[in-house]
N, C-alpha and C. Protein backbone atom coordinates (compact mmCIF):
# COMPACT_ATOMS: atom_id res chain seq x y z
N MET A 1 -27.83 -2.30 24.75
CA MET A 1 -26.70 -2.92 25.41
C MET A 1 -25.70 -1.88 25.88
N TRP A 2 -25.59 -0.78 25.13
CA TRP A 2 -24.67 0.27 25.52
C TRP A 2 -25.01 0.77 26.93
N LEU A 3 -26.28 1.01 27.18
CA LEU A 3 -26.71 1.48 28.50
C LEU A 3 -26.49 0.42 29.57
N ILE A 4 -26.77 -0.81 29.25
CA ILE A 4 -26.61 -1.89 30.22
C ILE A 4 -25.14 -2.06 30.59
N MET A 5 -24.28 -2.09 29.59
CA MET A 5 -22.85 -2.30 29.85
C MET A 5 -22.26 -1.16 30.68
N ARG A 6 -22.83 0.02 30.58
CA ARG A 6 -22.33 1.16 31.35
C ARG A 6 -23.14 1.42 32.61
N ARG A 7 -24.06 0.49 32.91
CA ARG A 7 -24.90 0.59 34.12
C ARG A 7 -25.67 1.92 34.15
N LYS A 8 -26.28 2.28 33.02
CA LYS A 8 -26.99 3.54 32.92
C LYS A 8 -28.51 3.38 32.85
N LEU A 9 -29.00 2.14 32.91
CA LEU A 9 -30.44 1.96 32.93
C LEU A 9 -31.01 2.53 34.23
N LEU A 10 -32.19 3.07 34.16
CA LEU A 10 -32.76 3.72 35.32
C LEU A 10 -33.45 2.72 36.26
N THR A 11 -32.62 1.90 36.87
CA THR A 11 -33.12 1.06 37.96
C THR A 11 -33.10 1.92 39.22
N GLN A 12 -33.80 1.47 40.25
CA GLN A 12 -33.93 2.30 41.44
C GLN A 12 -32.60 2.60 42.12
N ASP A 13 -31.69 1.66 42.11
CA ASP A 13 -30.39 1.92 42.74
C ASP A 13 -29.67 3.08 42.06
N ILE A 14 -29.82 3.22 40.75
CA ILE A 14 -29.20 4.33 40.01
C ILE A 14 -29.93 5.65 40.29
N ILE A 15 -31.25 5.61 40.28
CA ILE A 15 -32.04 6.82 40.53
C ILE A 15 -31.73 7.39 41.91
N LEU A 16 -31.60 6.52 42.88
CA LEU A 16 -31.33 6.99 44.24
C LEU A 16 -29.94 7.60 44.39
N GLN A 17 -29.02 7.28 43.51
CA GLN A 17 -27.68 7.87 43.57
C GLN A 17 -27.67 9.32 43.08
N TRP A 18 -28.68 9.72 42.32
CA TRP A 18 -28.71 11.08 41.79
C TRP A 18 -28.70 12.12 42.90
N ASP A 19 -29.53 11.87 43.90
CA ASP A 19 -29.68 12.85 44.98
C ASP A 19 -29.89 12.09 46.28
N LEU A 20 -28.85 12.06 47.08
CA LEU A 20 -28.93 11.30 48.32
C LEU A 20 -29.98 11.86 49.28
N SER A 21 -30.32 13.14 49.14
CA SER A 21 -31.34 13.70 50.03
C SER A 21 -32.72 13.10 49.76
N ARG A 22 -32.94 12.62 48.53
CA ARG A 22 -34.22 11.99 48.20
C ARG A 22 -34.36 10.62 48.85
N ARG A 23 -33.24 10.03 49.22
CA ARG A 23 -33.25 8.68 49.77
C ARG A 23 -34.17 8.59 50.99
N LYS A 24 -34.25 9.65 51.76
CA LYS A 24 -35.11 9.65 52.94
C LYS A 24 -36.58 9.60 52.55
N ASN A 25 -36.89 10.19 51.41
CA ASN A 25 -38.29 10.31 51.00
C ASN A 25 -38.76 9.21 50.07
N MET A 26 -37.83 8.40 49.57
CA MET A 26 -38.21 7.35 48.62
C MET A 26 -38.04 5.98 49.25
N ASN A 27 -38.99 5.15 49.03
CA ASN A 27 -38.87 3.76 49.44
C ASN A 27 -38.43 2.95 48.23
N MET A 28 -37.52 2.04 48.44
CA MET A 28 -37.10 1.16 47.35
C MET A 28 -38.24 0.21 47.04
N MET A 29 -38.56 0.12 45.77
CA MET A 29 -39.61 -0.76 45.31
C MET A 29 -39.02 -2.14 45.05
N CYS A 30 -39.80 -3.15 45.32
CA CYS A 30 -39.30 -4.49 45.06
C CYS A 30 -39.29 -4.76 43.55
N CYS A 31 -38.52 -5.74 43.18
CA CYS A 31 -38.42 -6.14 41.78
C CYS A 31 -39.80 -6.57 41.28
N LEU A 32 -40.21 -6.03 40.15
CA LEU A 32 -41.52 -6.35 39.60
C LEU A 32 -41.54 -7.69 38.87
N LEU A 33 -40.39 -8.30 38.72
CA LEU A 33 -40.33 -9.61 38.06
C LEU A 33 -40.46 -10.75 39.06
N CYS A 34 -39.84 -10.60 40.23
CA CYS A 34 -39.84 -11.69 41.20
C CYS A 34 -40.46 -11.32 42.55
N TYR A 35 -40.61 -10.05 42.83
CA TYR A 35 -41.15 -9.54 44.09
C TYR A 35 -40.34 -10.00 45.31
N GLU A 36 -39.05 -10.30 45.11
CA GLU A 36 -38.23 -10.83 46.19
C GLU A 36 -37.13 -9.89 46.62
N ASN A 37 -36.72 -8.97 45.79
CA ASN A 37 -35.56 -8.15 46.09
C ASN A 37 -35.80 -6.75 45.54
N VAL A 38 -34.87 -5.84 45.76
CA VAL A 38 -35.02 -4.48 45.24
C VAL A 38 -34.63 -4.43 43.77
N ASP A 39 -35.11 -3.43 43.09
CA ASP A 39 -34.86 -3.21 41.67
C ASP A 39 -33.47 -2.61 41.50
N SER A 40 -32.53 -3.42 41.03
CA SER A 40 -31.18 -2.95 40.78
C SER A 40 -30.63 -3.61 39.52
N HIS A 41 -29.55 -3.05 39.01
CA HIS A 41 -28.92 -3.57 37.79
C HIS A 41 -28.49 -5.02 37.98
N GLU A 42 -27.76 -5.29 39.07
CA GLU A 42 -27.26 -6.65 39.32
C GLU A 42 -28.41 -7.64 39.46
N HIS A 43 -29.42 -7.22 40.17
CA HIS A 43 -30.56 -8.11 40.38
C HIS A 43 -31.28 -8.41 39.07
N LEU A 44 -31.55 -7.37 38.31
CA LEU A 44 -32.31 -7.54 37.06
C LEU A 44 -31.58 -8.42 36.06
N PHE A 45 -30.25 -8.32 35.98
CA PHE A 45 -29.45 -9.07 34.99
C PHE A 45 -28.48 -10.00 35.69
N PHE A 46 -28.70 -11.16 35.96
CA PHE A 46 -29.83 -12.04 35.94
C PHE A 46 -29.91 -12.77 37.27
N GLU A 47 -29.79 -12.03 38.37
CA GLU A 47 -29.87 -12.62 39.69
C GLU A 47 -31.30 -12.78 40.17
N CYS A 48 -32.21 -12.05 39.60
CA CYS A 48 -33.64 -12.18 39.88
C CYS A 48 -34.09 -13.59 39.49
N SER A 49 -34.93 -14.19 40.30
CA SER A 49 -35.35 -15.56 40.00
C SER A 49 -36.09 -15.65 38.67
N PHE A 50 -36.85 -14.62 38.29
CA PHE A 50 -37.57 -14.61 37.01
C PHE A 50 -36.59 -14.48 35.85
N SER A 51 -35.73 -13.46 35.88
CA SER A 51 -34.80 -13.26 34.76
C SER A 51 -33.77 -14.38 34.69
N SER A 52 -33.39 -14.93 35.83
CA SER A 52 -32.48 -16.07 35.86
C SER A 52 -33.10 -17.28 35.17
N LYS A 53 -34.37 -17.48 35.41
CA LYS A 53 -35.08 -18.59 34.76
C LYS A 53 -35.07 -18.41 33.24
N VAL A 54 -35.29 -17.20 32.79
CA VAL A 54 -35.25 -16.92 31.35
C VAL A 54 -33.84 -17.17 30.82
N TRP A 55 -32.82 -16.66 31.52
CA TRP A 55 -31.44 -16.85 31.08
C TRP A 55 -31.11 -18.34 30.97
N LEU A 56 -31.53 -19.11 31.95
CA LEU A 56 -31.24 -20.55 31.93
C LEU A 56 -31.93 -21.24 30.75
N MET A 57 -33.05 -20.68 30.28
CA MET A 57 -33.75 -21.25 29.13
C MET A 57 -33.09 -20.91 27.80
N VAL A 58 -32.40 -19.78 27.73
CA VAL A 58 -31.86 -19.33 26.43
C VAL A 58 -30.36 -19.55 26.27
N ARG A 59 -29.62 -19.64 27.35
CA ARG A 59 -28.16 -19.66 27.25
C ARG A 59 -27.61 -20.87 26.50
N GLU A 60 -28.26 -22.01 26.61
CA GLU A 60 -27.74 -23.21 25.95
C GLU A 60 -27.77 -23.07 24.43
N LYS A 61 -28.81 -22.43 23.93
CA LYS A 61 -28.93 -22.27 22.48
C LYS A 61 -27.83 -21.36 21.92
N ALA A 62 -27.19 -20.60 22.81
CA ALA A 62 -26.10 -19.72 22.40
C ALA A 62 -24.73 -20.33 22.68
N GLY A 63 -24.71 -21.59 23.08
CA GLY A 63 -23.44 -22.23 23.42
C GLY A 63 -22.84 -21.70 24.71
N MET A 64 -23.71 -21.21 25.59
CA MET A 64 -23.26 -20.61 26.85
C MET A 64 -23.80 -21.39 28.05
N ALA A 65 -23.98 -22.69 27.90
CA ALA A 65 -24.58 -23.50 28.95
C ALA A 65 -23.80 -23.46 30.26
N ASN A 66 -22.50 -23.24 30.19
CA ASN A 66 -21.68 -23.21 31.40
C ASN A 66 -21.52 -21.82 32.00
N VAL A 67 -22.15 -20.82 31.41
CA VAL A 67 -22.03 -19.46 31.91
C VAL A 67 -23.16 -19.21 32.90
N ASP A 68 -22.79 -18.87 34.15
CA ASP A 68 -23.86 -18.68 35.13
C ASP A 68 -24.61 -17.37 34.91
N GLN A 69 -25.56 -17.09 35.78
CA GLN A 69 -26.47 -15.97 35.54
C GLN A 69 -25.99 -14.64 36.10
N LYS A 70 -24.80 -14.56 36.65
CA LYS A 70 -24.30 -13.27 37.11
C LYS A 70 -23.83 -12.45 35.91
N TRP A 71 -24.23 -11.20 35.88
CA TRP A 71 -23.89 -10.33 34.75
C TRP A 71 -22.38 -10.26 34.55
N SER A 72 -21.63 -10.21 35.63
CA SER A 72 -20.17 -10.13 35.52
C SER A 72 -19.61 -11.38 34.84
N SER A 73 -20.18 -12.54 35.10
CA SER A 73 -19.72 -13.78 34.45
C SER A 73 -20.05 -13.76 32.96
N ILE A 74 -21.22 -13.27 32.62
CA ILE A 74 -21.63 -13.20 31.22
C ILE A 74 -20.72 -12.23 30.46
N VAL A 75 -20.47 -11.07 31.05
CA VAL A 75 -19.61 -10.07 30.40
C VAL A 75 -18.19 -10.62 30.25
N SER A 76 -17.68 -11.28 31.27
CA SER A 76 -16.34 -11.87 31.18
C SER A 76 -16.27 -12.90 30.06
N TRP A 77 -17.29 -13.73 29.94
CA TRP A 77 -17.33 -14.74 28.89
C TRP A 77 -17.33 -14.07 27.52
N LEU A 78 -18.12 -13.02 27.36
CA LEU A 78 -18.17 -12.31 26.09
C LEU A 78 -16.86 -11.60 25.77
N LYS A 79 -16.26 -10.97 26.77
CA LYS A 79 -14.99 -10.26 26.56
C LYS A 79 -13.89 -11.20 26.12
N ALA A 80 -13.88 -12.40 26.69
CA ALA A 80 -12.85 -13.38 26.32
C ALA A 80 -12.96 -13.79 24.86
N ARG A 81 -14.14 -13.60 24.26
CA ARG A 81 -14.38 -13.96 22.87
C ARG A 81 -14.68 -12.73 22.02
N GLY A 82 -14.35 -11.57 22.53
CA GLY A 82 -14.72 -10.31 21.89
C GLY A 82 -14.21 -10.11 20.47
N ARG A 83 -13.06 -10.64 20.16
CA ARG A 83 -12.48 -10.46 18.83
C ARG A 83 -12.85 -11.58 17.86
N SER A 84 -13.55 -12.56 18.35
CA SER A 84 -13.93 -13.69 17.52
C SER A 84 -14.93 -13.27 16.45
N LYS A 85 -14.73 -13.77 15.25
CA LYS A 85 -15.63 -13.46 14.14
C LYS A 85 -16.51 -14.66 13.78
N THR A 86 -16.52 -15.69 14.62
CA THR A 86 -17.30 -16.88 14.28
C THR A 86 -18.80 -16.59 14.40
N ALA A 87 -19.56 -17.32 13.64
CA ALA A 87 -21.02 -17.18 13.68
C ALA A 87 -21.55 -17.53 15.07
N ALA A 88 -20.97 -18.53 15.70
CA ALA A 88 -21.43 -18.96 17.03
C ALA A 88 -21.25 -17.84 18.06
N HIS A 89 -20.14 -17.14 18.00
CA HIS A 89 -19.92 -16.05 18.95
C HIS A 89 -20.80 -14.85 18.62
N PHE A 90 -21.06 -14.64 17.35
CA PHE A 90 -22.01 -13.60 16.96
C PHE A 90 -23.38 -13.90 17.56
N VAL A 91 -23.80 -15.16 17.48
CA VAL A 91 -25.09 -15.56 18.04
C VAL A 91 -25.11 -15.38 19.55
N SER A 92 -24.01 -15.72 20.22
CA SER A 92 -23.98 -15.58 21.68
C SER A 92 -24.17 -14.12 22.07
N LYS A 93 -23.57 -13.20 21.33
CA LYS A 93 -23.75 -11.77 21.60
C LYS A 93 -25.21 -11.36 21.37
N LEU A 94 -25.80 -11.89 20.31
CA LEU A 94 -27.22 -11.61 20.05
C LEU A 94 -28.10 -12.12 21.18
N VAL A 95 -27.81 -13.33 21.66
CA VAL A 95 -28.63 -13.92 22.73
C VAL A 95 -28.54 -13.07 24.00
N VAL A 96 -27.34 -12.67 24.37
CA VAL A 96 -27.18 -11.85 25.57
C VAL A 96 -27.92 -10.51 25.39
N GLY A 97 -27.70 -9.87 24.27
CA GLY A 97 -28.34 -8.58 24.02
C GLY A 97 -29.86 -8.67 23.98
N ALA A 98 -30.36 -9.65 23.26
CA ALA A 98 -31.82 -9.81 23.15
C ALA A 98 -32.43 -10.18 24.50
N THR A 99 -31.76 -11.02 25.26
CA THR A 99 -32.29 -11.42 26.56
C THR A 99 -32.35 -10.22 27.50
N ALA A 100 -31.28 -9.47 27.57
CA ALA A 100 -31.27 -8.29 28.43
C ALA A 100 -32.34 -7.28 28.00
N TYR A 101 -32.46 -7.07 26.70
CA TYR A 101 -33.44 -6.12 26.18
C TYR A 101 -34.87 -6.55 26.49
N VAL A 102 -35.18 -7.81 26.27
CA VAL A 102 -36.55 -8.28 26.49
C VAL A 102 -36.87 -8.32 27.98
N ILE A 103 -35.89 -8.63 28.82
CA ILE A 103 -36.10 -8.56 30.28
C ILE A 103 -36.39 -7.12 30.70
N TRP A 104 -35.63 -6.17 30.16
CA TRP A 104 -35.87 -4.75 30.46
C TRP A 104 -37.26 -4.33 29.98
N GLN A 105 -37.65 -4.77 28.80
CA GLN A 105 -39.00 -4.47 28.29
C GLN A 105 -40.07 -5.04 29.22
N GLU A 106 -39.87 -6.27 29.68
CA GLU A 106 -40.84 -6.90 30.58
C GLU A 106 -40.94 -6.13 31.90
N ARG A 107 -39.81 -5.75 32.43
CA ARG A 107 -39.82 -4.96 33.67
C ARG A 107 -40.61 -3.67 33.47
N ASN A 108 -40.37 -2.98 32.35
CA ASN A 108 -41.07 -1.73 32.08
C ASN A 108 -42.55 -1.94 31.79
N ALA A 109 -42.90 -3.04 31.13
CA ALA A 109 -44.32 -3.33 30.87
C ALA A 109 -45.06 -3.54 32.19
N ARG A 110 -44.40 -4.18 33.13
CA ARG A 110 -45.01 -4.39 34.44
C ARG A 110 -45.10 -3.09 35.22
N LEU A 111 -44.09 -2.25 35.11
CA LEU A 111 -44.05 -1.00 35.85
C LEU A 111 -45.04 0.03 35.31
N PHE A 112 -45.08 0.18 33.99
CA PHE A 112 -45.85 1.27 33.39
C PHE A 112 -47.21 0.87 32.82
N ARG A 113 -47.40 -0.41 32.48
CA ARG A 113 -48.66 -0.83 31.86
C ARG A 113 -49.37 -1.95 32.60
N ASN A 114 -48.76 -2.43 33.69
CA ASN A 114 -49.33 -3.52 34.48
C ASN A 114 -49.60 -4.76 33.62
N GLN A 115 -48.69 -5.04 32.69
CA GLN A 115 -48.80 -6.22 31.82
C GLN A 115 -47.71 -7.20 32.20
N THR A 116 -48.05 -8.47 32.23
CA THR A 116 -47.06 -9.50 32.57
C THR A 116 -47.10 -10.64 31.57
N ARG A 117 -45.92 -11.25 31.38
CA ARG A 117 -45.80 -12.44 30.54
C ARG A 117 -44.99 -13.48 31.31
N PRO A 118 -45.27 -14.75 31.12
CA PRO A 118 -44.49 -15.80 31.80
C PRO A 118 -43.13 -15.99 31.13
N PRO A 119 -42.20 -16.64 31.84
CA PRO A 119 -40.85 -16.84 31.30
C PRO A 119 -40.80 -17.54 29.94
N ASP A 120 -41.66 -18.52 29.70
CA ASP A 120 -41.60 -19.22 28.41
C ASP A 120 -42.02 -18.31 27.26
N THR A 121 -42.90 -17.38 27.49
CA THR A 121 -43.27 -16.40 26.46
C THR A 121 -42.11 -15.44 26.20
N ILE A 122 -41.43 -15.05 27.26
CA ILE A 122 -40.25 -14.20 27.11
C ILE A 122 -39.20 -14.93 26.29
N ARG A 123 -38.95 -16.21 26.61
CA ARG A 123 -37.98 -17.02 25.86
C ARG A 123 -38.35 -17.07 24.39
N ASP A 124 -39.62 -17.32 24.09
CA ASP A 124 -40.06 -17.39 22.70
C ASP A 124 -39.85 -16.06 21.98
N THR A 125 -40.08 -14.95 22.65
CA THR A 125 -39.86 -13.63 22.08
C THR A 125 -38.38 -13.42 21.77
N ILE A 126 -37.53 -13.83 22.68
CA ILE A 126 -36.08 -13.71 22.48
C ILE A 126 -35.65 -14.54 21.28
N PHE A 127 -36.10 -15.79 21.22
CA PHE A 127 -35.72 -16.67 20.11
C PHE A 127 -36.23 -16.14 18.78
N LYS A 128 -37.43 -15.62 18.75
CA LYS A 128 -37.98 -15.06 17.52
C LYS A 128 -37.18 -13.85 17.06
N THR A 129 -36.81 -12.99 18.00
CA THR A 129 -36.01 -11.81 17.69
C THR A 129 -34.66 -12.20 17.08
N ILE A 130 -34.01 -13.17 17.69
CA ILE A 130 -32.70 -13.61 17.21
C ILE A 130 -32.84 -14.28 15.85
N ARG A 131 -33.83 -15.11 15.70
CA ARG A 131 -34.05 -15.80 14.43
C ARG A 131 -34.24 -14.79 13.30
N TYR A 132 -35.06 -13.77 13.51
CA TYR A 132 -35.27 -12.74 12.49
C TYR A 132 -33.98 -12.00 12.18
N LYS A 133 -33.20 -11.71 13.19
CA LYS A 133 -31.92 -11.04 12.96
C LYS A 133 -31.00 -11.94 12.14
N LEU A 134 -30.94 -13.21 12.48
CA LEU A 134 -30.06 -14.14 11.77
C LEU A 134 -30.49 -14.35 10.32
N MET A 135 -31.77 -14.21 10.04
CA MET A 135 -32.25 -14.37 8.67
C MET A 135 -31.68 -13.30 7.75
N GLY A 136 -31.30 -12.17 8.30
CA GLY A 136 -30.77 -11.09 7.49
C GLY A 136 -29.26 -10.99 7.47
N VAL A 137 -28.59 -11.90 8.16
CA VAL A 137 -27.13 -11.84 8.23
C VAL A 137 -26.51 -12.75 7.18
N LYS A 138 -25.51 -12.25 6.50
CA LYS A 138 -24.79 -13.07 5.51
C LYS A 138 -23.54 -13.63 6.17
N PHE A 139 -23.54 -14.93 6.34
CA PHE A 139 -22.37 -15.63 6.86
C PHE A 139 -21.65 -16.33 5.72
N ARG A 140 -20.36 -16.54 5.91
CA ARG A 140 -19.61 -17.37 4.96
C ARG A 140 -20.17 -18.78 5.08
N GLN A 141 -20.44 -19.40 3.97
CA GLN A 141 -21.04 -20.74 3.97
C GLN A 141 -20.02 -21.80 4.37
N CYS A 142 -20.33 -22.53 5.43
CA CYS A 142 -19.52 -23.65 5.88
C CYS A 142 -20.41 -24.56 6.70
N SER A 143 -19.89 -25.69 7.11
CA SER A 143 -20.71 -26.66 7.84
C SER A 143 -21.16 -26.11 9.20
N ASN A 144 -20.32 -25.32 9.88
CA ASN A 144 -20.71 -24.75 11.17
C ASN A 144 -21.88 -23.78 11.01
N VAL A 145 -21.84 -22.99 9.96
CA VAL A 145 -22.93 -22.04 9.71
C VAL A 145 -24.20 -22.80 9.33
N ALA A 146 -24.06 -23.86 8.56
CA ALA A 146 -25.23 -24.67 8.19
C ALA A 146 -25.87 -25.27 9.45
N ARG A 147 -25.04 -25.76 10.38
CA ARG A 147 -25.58 -26.30 11.64
C ARG A 147 -26.27 -25.20 12.45
N LEU A 148 -25.65 -24.04 12.51
CA LEU A 148 -26.23 -22.92 13.24
C LEU A 148 -27.58 -22.53 12.65
N ARG A 149 -27.63 -22.43 11.33
CA ARG A 149 -28.90 -22.10 10.67
C ARG A 149 -29.96 -23.16 10.96
N GLY A 150 -29.56 -24.40 10.93
CA GLY A 150 -30.50 -25.48 11.25
C GLY A 150 -31.01 -25.40 12.68
N ALA A 151 -30.12 -25.09 13.61
CA ALA A 151 -30.51 -24.99 15.01
C ALA A 151 -31.51 -23.87 15.25
N TRP A 152 -31.45 -22.83 14.43
CA TRP A 152 -32.37 -21.70 14.56
C TRP A 152 -33.54 -21.79 13.58
N GLY A 153 -33.63 -22.89 12.84
CA GLY A 153 -34.75 -23.07 11.92
C GLY A 153 -34.71 -22.15 10.72
N ILE A 154 -33.50 -21.87 10.26
CA ILE A 154 -33.33 -20.98 9.10
C ILE A 154 -32.76 -21.81 7.97
N GLY A 155 -33.56 -22.02 6.95
CA GLY A 155 -33.09 -22.76 5.79
C GLY A 155 -32.34 -21.87 4.83
N GLU A 156 -31.57 -22.48 3.98
CA GLU A 156 -30.80 -21.71 2.97
C GLU A 156 -31.71 -20.94 2.04
N GLU A 157 -32.93 -21.43 1.84
CA GLU A 157 -33.83 -20.76 0.91
C GLU A 157 -34.31 -19.41 1.43
N THR A 158 -34.09 -19.10 2.73
CA THR A 158 -34.57 -17.83 3.28
C THR A 158 -33.63 -16.67 2.94
N VAL A 159 -32.43 -16.96 2.45
CA VAL A 159 -31.47 -15.93 2.09
C VAL A 159 -31.03 -16.14 0.67
N SER A 160 -31.22 -15.14 -0.17
CA SER A 160 -30.80 -15.28 -1.56
C SER A 160 -29.52 -14.48 -1.78
N ASP A 161 -28.85 -14.74 -2.90
CA ASP A 161 -27.59 -14.07 -3.20
C ASP A 161 -27.77 -12.58 -3.47
N ASP A 162 -28.95 -12.17 -3.91
CA ASP A 162 -29.16 -10.77 -4.23
C ASP A 162 -29.60 -9.95 -3.02
N GLY A 163 -29.55 -10.58 -1.81
CA GLY A 163 -29.89 -9.86 -0.58
C GLY A 163 -31.36 -9.89 -0.26
N GLY A 164 -32.20 -10.45 -1.11
CA GLY A 164 -33.64 -10.43 -0.86
C GLY A 164 -34.20 -11.69 -0.31
């Protein structure tokens, strides 16, 4: 997320900024997720039709159903809740981070290994990642946390008082 927030991922728009003289010799490659646009930070998170579809599948589970798929909107939503210590806001940060990470992994798998997965498989990977992370987090016990655990399929028996 650190790289994404600072726009440091090596998408083609960033690579081409390194040396403008290379621009003449390099052709911009289309997005490997949707094949509709060029590979750029804005497009990848989440203006691309593929990554947007994934975002629309996961955002509701994070309580972000009203947040559109533009990265700037997502970041603004998170910043407005940046100091919040609630479990729900913690989960929303996890969902954004996991979604961006898994989308980046998918893009790289297509670029370097010629492997592809459909959006529902990506969604399942994101949910599994978040669920495993939540299983190891100690929240203060309250009804909101109990509902959150239930929504993610995490029973109280998965976390013991001794940390194991």
